């Protein structure tokens, strides 16, 4: 009995020793594989962390840049153009003299047309003077833009008054239609947008009907174009 017990115990001890020596070898991977996989895992972890930091940094920079750009644009709109130099005395004098001459000529024409009850010194022509004399190179100062917009917007004002009569509906319809007309015909000329309102609210123009498309707006613009040529010549050749 004792012999059997000692044999049984010795077998258990031998099995445990074999299991102790064999178990690590079954679970342990070769060092080369362990090193390669660990390096790959560390590289993937480092790459993902760097990408996350990069995305975070780019997002912060984009938001900061957007805020900075927005702030700069908002503030710049309240400042004079920094890229342009200060105008000379002649650049100020000749447009101002041209505006004086234009109103003087139109005023003289008013005296000649007083018996017919028509005035040439209408407010839109003052705005046309500013565009032609002060900013002659802008799209609004193009001859096509000016005459197309003057005629079209004036005719729209007559139509709106004919359909709706005086009031807010005629003014709103005429102004929106005038903007659509100028955009469609590529003839944006800001002063022309006031012609429909002037006709609707000015009883002295109602008797002109569709003649209002040519007079006094287009007729006045012809006079202003002639004066503009003189002003531009003087600005380019007589400087002080």
Protein backbone atom coordinates (compact mmCIF):
# COMPACT_ATOMS: atom_id res chain seq x y z
CA UNK A 1 0.00 0.00 0.00
CA UNK A 2 2.83 2.35 0.92
CA UNK A 3 4.63 1.48 -2.25
CA UNK A 4 1.58 2.26 -4.33
CA UNK A 5 1.09 5.57 -2.55
CA UNK A 6 4.71 6.60 -2.99
CA UNK A 7 4.53 5.69 -6.69
CA UNK A 8 1.31 7.69 -7.10
CA UNK A 9 2.80 10.73 -5.36
CA UNK A 10 5.99 10.55 -7.45
CA UNK A 11 3.91 10.48 -10.65
CA UNK A 12 1.95 13.58 -9.57
CA UNK A 13 5.16 15.46 -8.76
CA UNK A 14 6.65 14.52 -12.15
CA UNK A 15 3.49 15.67 -13.98
CA UNK A 16 3.54 18.99 -12.13
CA UNK A 17 7.22 19.52 -12.96
CA UNK A 18 6.61 18.73 -16.61
CA UNK A 19 3.62 21.06 -16.65
CA UNK A 20 5.64 23.84 -15.00
CA UNK A 21 8.39 23.59 -17.61
CA UNK A 22 6.08 23.12 -20.60
CA UNK A 23 3.44 25.75 -19.84
CA UNK A 24 5.68 28.81 -20.33
CA UNK A 25 6.88 27.48 -23.66
CA UNK A 26 3.33 27.00 -24.88
CA UNK A 27 2.29 30.60 -24.04
CA UNK A 28 5.54 32.42 -24.71
CA UNK A 29 6.05 33.74 -28.28
CA UNK A 30 9.44 33.98 -29.92
CA UNK A 31 11.28 37.21 -28.96
CA UNK A 32 11.42 38.38 -32.57
CA UNK A 33 7.65 38.20 -32.93
CA UNK A 34 7.05 39.83 -29.60
CA UNK A 35 9.42 42.68 -30.47
CA UNK A 36 7.97 43.27 -33.92
CA UNK A 37 4.37 43.24 -32.79
CA UNK A 38 5.17 45.51 -29.87
CA UNK A 39 6.95 47.97 -32.11
CA UNK A 40 4.02 47.95 -34.51
CA UNK A 41 1.58 48.54 -31.70
CA UNK A 42 3.70 51.38 -30.31
CA UNK A 43 4.02 52.91 -33.77
CA UNK A 44 0.27 52.71 -34.39
CA UNK A 45 -0.41 54.25 -31.00
CA UNK A 46 2.08 57.07 -31.60
CA UNK A 47 0.70 57.71 -35.10
CA UNK A 48 -2.90 57.90 -33.88
CA UNK A 49 -1.89 60.24 -31.06
CA UNK A 50 0.04 62.50 -33.43
CA UNK A 51 -2.88 62.55 -35.88
CA UNK A 52 -5.29 63.47 -33.11
CA UNK A 53 -3.00 66.27 -31.97
CA UNK A 54 -2.58 67.45 -35.55
CA UNK A 55 -6.33 67.51 -36.17
CA UNK A 56 -6.86 69.32 -32.90
CA UNK A 57 -4.15 71.85 -33.72
CA UNK A 58 -5.48 72.45 -37.23
CA UNK A 59 -9.00 72.94 -35.88
CA UNK A 60 -7.78 75.44 -33.31
CA UNK A 61 -5.73 77.29 -35.92
CA UNK A 62 -8.64 77.36 -38.38
CA UNK A 63 -11.02 78.70 -35.75
CA UNK A 64 -8.48 81.28 -34.62
CA UNK A 65 -7.73 82.31 -38.20
CA UNK A 66 -11.44 82.57 -39.01
CA UNK A 67 -12.06 84.76 -35.98
CA UNK A 68 -9.03 86.89 -36.80
CA UNK A 69 -10.07 87.28 -40.44
CA UNK A 70 -13.63 88.09 -39.49
CA UNK A 71 -12.49 90.68 -37.01
CA UNK A 72 -10.11 92.20 -39.51
CA UNK A 73 -12.79 92.44 -42.18
CA UNK A 74 -15.26 93.97 -39.78
CA UNK A 75 -12.81 96.60 -38.61
CA UNK A 76 -11.41 97.31 -42.09
CA UNK A 77 -14.83 98.23 -43.40
CA UNK A 78 -14.83 101.16 -40.97
CA UNK A 79 -11.44 102.46 -42.11
CA UNK A 80 -10.30 104.18 -45.31
CA UNK A 81 -8.66 102.07 -47.97
CA UNK A 82 -5.10 101.51 -46.77
CA UNK A 83 -3.86 100.46 -50.21
CA UNK A 84 -4.64 103.76 -51.88
CA UNK A 85 -2.57 106.90 -51.41
CA UNK A 86 -4.00 110.18 -50.22
CA UNK A 87 -5.59 112.14 -53.09
CA UNK A 88 -3.81 115.22 -54.35
CA UNK A 89 -5.36 118.68 -54.33
CA UNK A 90 -6.10 118.51 -58.06
CA UNK A 91 -7.86 115.15 -57.62
CA UNK A 92 -10.20 116.81 -55.15
CA UNK A 93 -10.62 120.13 -56.94
CA UNK A 94 -11.53 118.98 -60.46
CA UNK A 95 -14.40 116.59 -59.52
CA UNK A 96 -15.80 119.25 -57.20
CA UNK A 97 -15.54 121.87 -59.92
CA UNK A 98 -17.23 119.47 -62.36
CA UNK A 99 -20.14 118.97 -59.94
CA UNK A 100 -20.51 122.73 -59.60
CA UNK A 101 -20.50 123.18 -63.39
CA UNK A 102 -23.01 120.35 -63.85
CA UNK A 103 -25.52 121.79 -61.39
CA UNK A 104 -25.02 125.26 -62.88
CA UNK A 105 -25.78 124.02 -66.40
CA UNK A 106 -28.78 121.99 -65.23
CA UNK A 107 -30.04 124.96 -63.22
CA UNK A 108 -29.86 127.17 -66.29
CA UNK A 109 -31.85 124.57 -68.20
CA UNK A 110 -34.43 124.65 -65.40
CA UNK A 111 -34.96 128.32 -66.04
CA UNK A 112 -35.49 127.64 -69.73
CA UNK A 113 -37.98 124.80 -69.02
CA UNK A 114 -39.78 126.46 -66.13
CA UNK A 115 -42.84 127.22 -68.25
CA UNK A 116 -43.31 123.51 -68.91
CA UNK A 117 -43.11 122.64 -65.23
CA UNK A 118 -40.16 120.28 -65.59
CA UNK A 119 -36.98 120.43 -63.46
CA UNK A 120 -33.60 119.11 -64.60
CA UNK A 121 -31.92 119.33 -61.20
CA UNK A 122 -33.42 116.14 -59.86
CA UNK A 123 -31.80 114.28 -56.95
CA UNK A 124 -30.67 111.20 -58.96
CA UNK A 125 -28.48 113.39 -61.16
CA UNK A 126 -26.59 114.53 -58.07
CA UNK A 127 -25.75 110.90 -57.37
CA UNK A 128 -24.76 110.47 -61.03
CA UNK A 129 -22.31 113.37 -60.62
CA UNK A 130 -20.66 111.58 -57.68
CA UNK A 131 -20.28 108.38 -59.70
CA UNK A 132 -19.02 109.98 -62.91
CA UNK A 133 -16.64 112.54 -61.40
CA UNK A 134 -15.34 110.83 -58.27
CA UNK A 135 -15.21 107.19 -59.43
CA UNK A 136 -15.04 107.22 -63.24
CA UNK A 137 -13.38 103.79 -63.48
CA UNK A 138 -16.06 101.87 -61.55
CA UNK A 139 -18.69 99.73 -63.34
CA UNK A 140 -21.44 102.14 -62.29
CA UNK A 141 -19.80 104.89 -64.36
CA UNK A 142 -19.88 102.91 -67.62
CA UNK A 143 -21.98 104.60 -70.28
CA UNK A 144 -23.87 101.40 -71.04
CA UNK A 145 -24.74 100.89 -67.37
CA UNK A 146 -25.83 104.48 -66.93
CA UNK A 147 -28.11 104.88 -69.93
CA UNK A 148 -29.57 101.36 -69.82
CA UNK A 149 -30.38 101.64 -66.13
CA UNK A 150 -31.73 105.18 -66.41
CA UNK A 151 -34.16 104.30 -69.17
CA UNK A 152 -35.20 100.92 -67.80
CA UNK A 153 -35.75 102.00 -64.20
CA UNK A 154 -37.65 105.12 -65.25
CA UNK A 155 -39.98 103.05 -67.44
CA UNK A 156 -40.51 100.59 -64.58
CA UNK A 157 -41.53 103.47 -62.34
CA UNK A 158 -44.14 104.60 -64.87
CA UNK A 159 -45.53 101.06 -65.16
CA UNK A 160 -45.70 100.58 -61.40
CA UNK A 161 -47.56 103.88 -60.98
CA UNK A 162 -49.96 102.93 -63.77
CA UNK A 163 -50.86 99.60 -62.17
CA UNK A 164 -50.81 100.42 -58.46
CA UNK A 165 -51.05 104.21 -58.22
CA UNK A 166 -49.17 106.16 -55.56
CA UNK A 167 -48.31 104.29 -52.38
CA UNK A 168 -46.06 101.73 -50.78
CA UNK A 169 -47.01 98.89 -53.12
CA UNK A 170 -45.99 100.83 -56.22
CA UNK A 171 -42.70 101.93 -54.63
CA UNK A 172 -41.82 98.42 -53.43
CA UNK A 173 -42.67 96.79 -56.74
CA UNK A 174 -40.83 99.41 -58.77
CA UNK A 175 -37.67 99.22 -56.70
CA UNK A 176 -37.48 95.42 -56.68
CA UNK A 177 -38.19 95.25 -60.41
CA UNK A 178 -35.53 97.91 -61.08
CA UNK A 179 -32.89 95.90 -59.22
CA UNK A 180 -33.86 92.75 -61.10
CA UNK A 181 -33.68 94.65 -64.41
CA UNK A 182 -30.20 96.06 -63.70
CA UNK A 183 -28.85 92.69 -62.60
CA UNK A 184 -30.33 90.86 -65.59
CA UNK A 185 -29.05 93.39 -68.13
CA UNK A 186 -25.69 93.71 -66.31
CA UNK A 187 -26.19 97.45 -66.07
CA UNK A 188 -26.00 98.14 -62.34
CA UNK A 189 -26.03 101.91 -61.85
CA UNK A 190 -27.06 102.78 -58.26
CA UNK A 191 -28.46 106.30 -58.90
CA UNK A 192 -31.01 104.89 -61.37
CA UNK A 193 -32.79 103.02 -58.56
CA UNK A 194 -34.19 106.31 -57.27
CA UNK A 195 -35.88 107.26 -60.56
CA UNK A 196 -38.98 105.07 -60.07
CA UNK A 197 -39.52 106.45 -56.57
CA UNK A 198 -39.09 109.99 -57.84
CA UNK A 199 -41.77 109.48 -60.48
CA UNK A 200 -44.25 107.78 -58.14
CA UNK A 201 -43.94 110.45 -55.44
CA UNK A 202 -43.56 113.43 -57.81
CA UNK A 203 -46.88 114.63 -59.26
CA UNK A 204 -45.09 117.11 -61.51
CA UNK A 205 -43.67 114.19 -63.54
CA UNK A 206 -46.90 112.24 -64.00
CA UNK A 207 -47.92 114.10 -67.13
CA UNK A 208 -44.72 112.96 -68.88
CA UNK A 209 -45.76 109.32 -68.75
CA UNK A 210 -43.27 107.22 -70.75
CA UNK A 211 -41.39 110.32 -71.87
CA UNK A 212 -40.01 110.16 -68.34
CA UNK A 213 -37.77 107.31 -69.54
CA UNK A 214 -35.83 109.87 -71.61
CA UNK A 215 -36.40 113.10 -69.77
CA UNK A 216 -35.04 114.40 -67.44
CA UNK A 217 -32.85 111.41 -66.48
CA UNK A 218 -31.29 110.45 -69.81
CA UNK A 219 -31.17 114.05 -71.04
CA UNK A 220 -29.42 115.11 -67.86
CA UNK A 221 -26.94 112.21 -68.12
CA UNK A 222 -25.95 113.37 -71.62
CA UNK A 223 -24.98 116.74 -70.17
CA UNK A 224 -23.09 115.09 -67.31
CA UNK A 225 -21.15 112.83 -69.70
CA UNK A 226 -19.85 115.84 -71.59
CA UNK A 227 -18.73 117.50 -68.37
CA UNK A 228 -17.14 114.24 -67.22
CA UNK A 229 -14.87 114.18 -70.27
CA UNK A 230 -13.60 117.65 -69.38
CA UNK A 231 -13.10 116.70 -65.71
CA UNK A 232 -11.16 113.52 -66.56
CA UNK A 233 -8.95 115.43 -68.99
CA UNK A 234 -8.14 118.07 -66.40
CA UNK A 235 -7.45 115.48 -63.70
CA UNK A 236 -4.94 113.71 -65.95
CA UNK A 237 -3.18 116.75 -67.39
CA UNK A 238 -3.48 119.59 -64.87
CA UNK A 239 -2.12 118.47 -61.50
CA UNK A 240 -1.21 120.51 -58.45
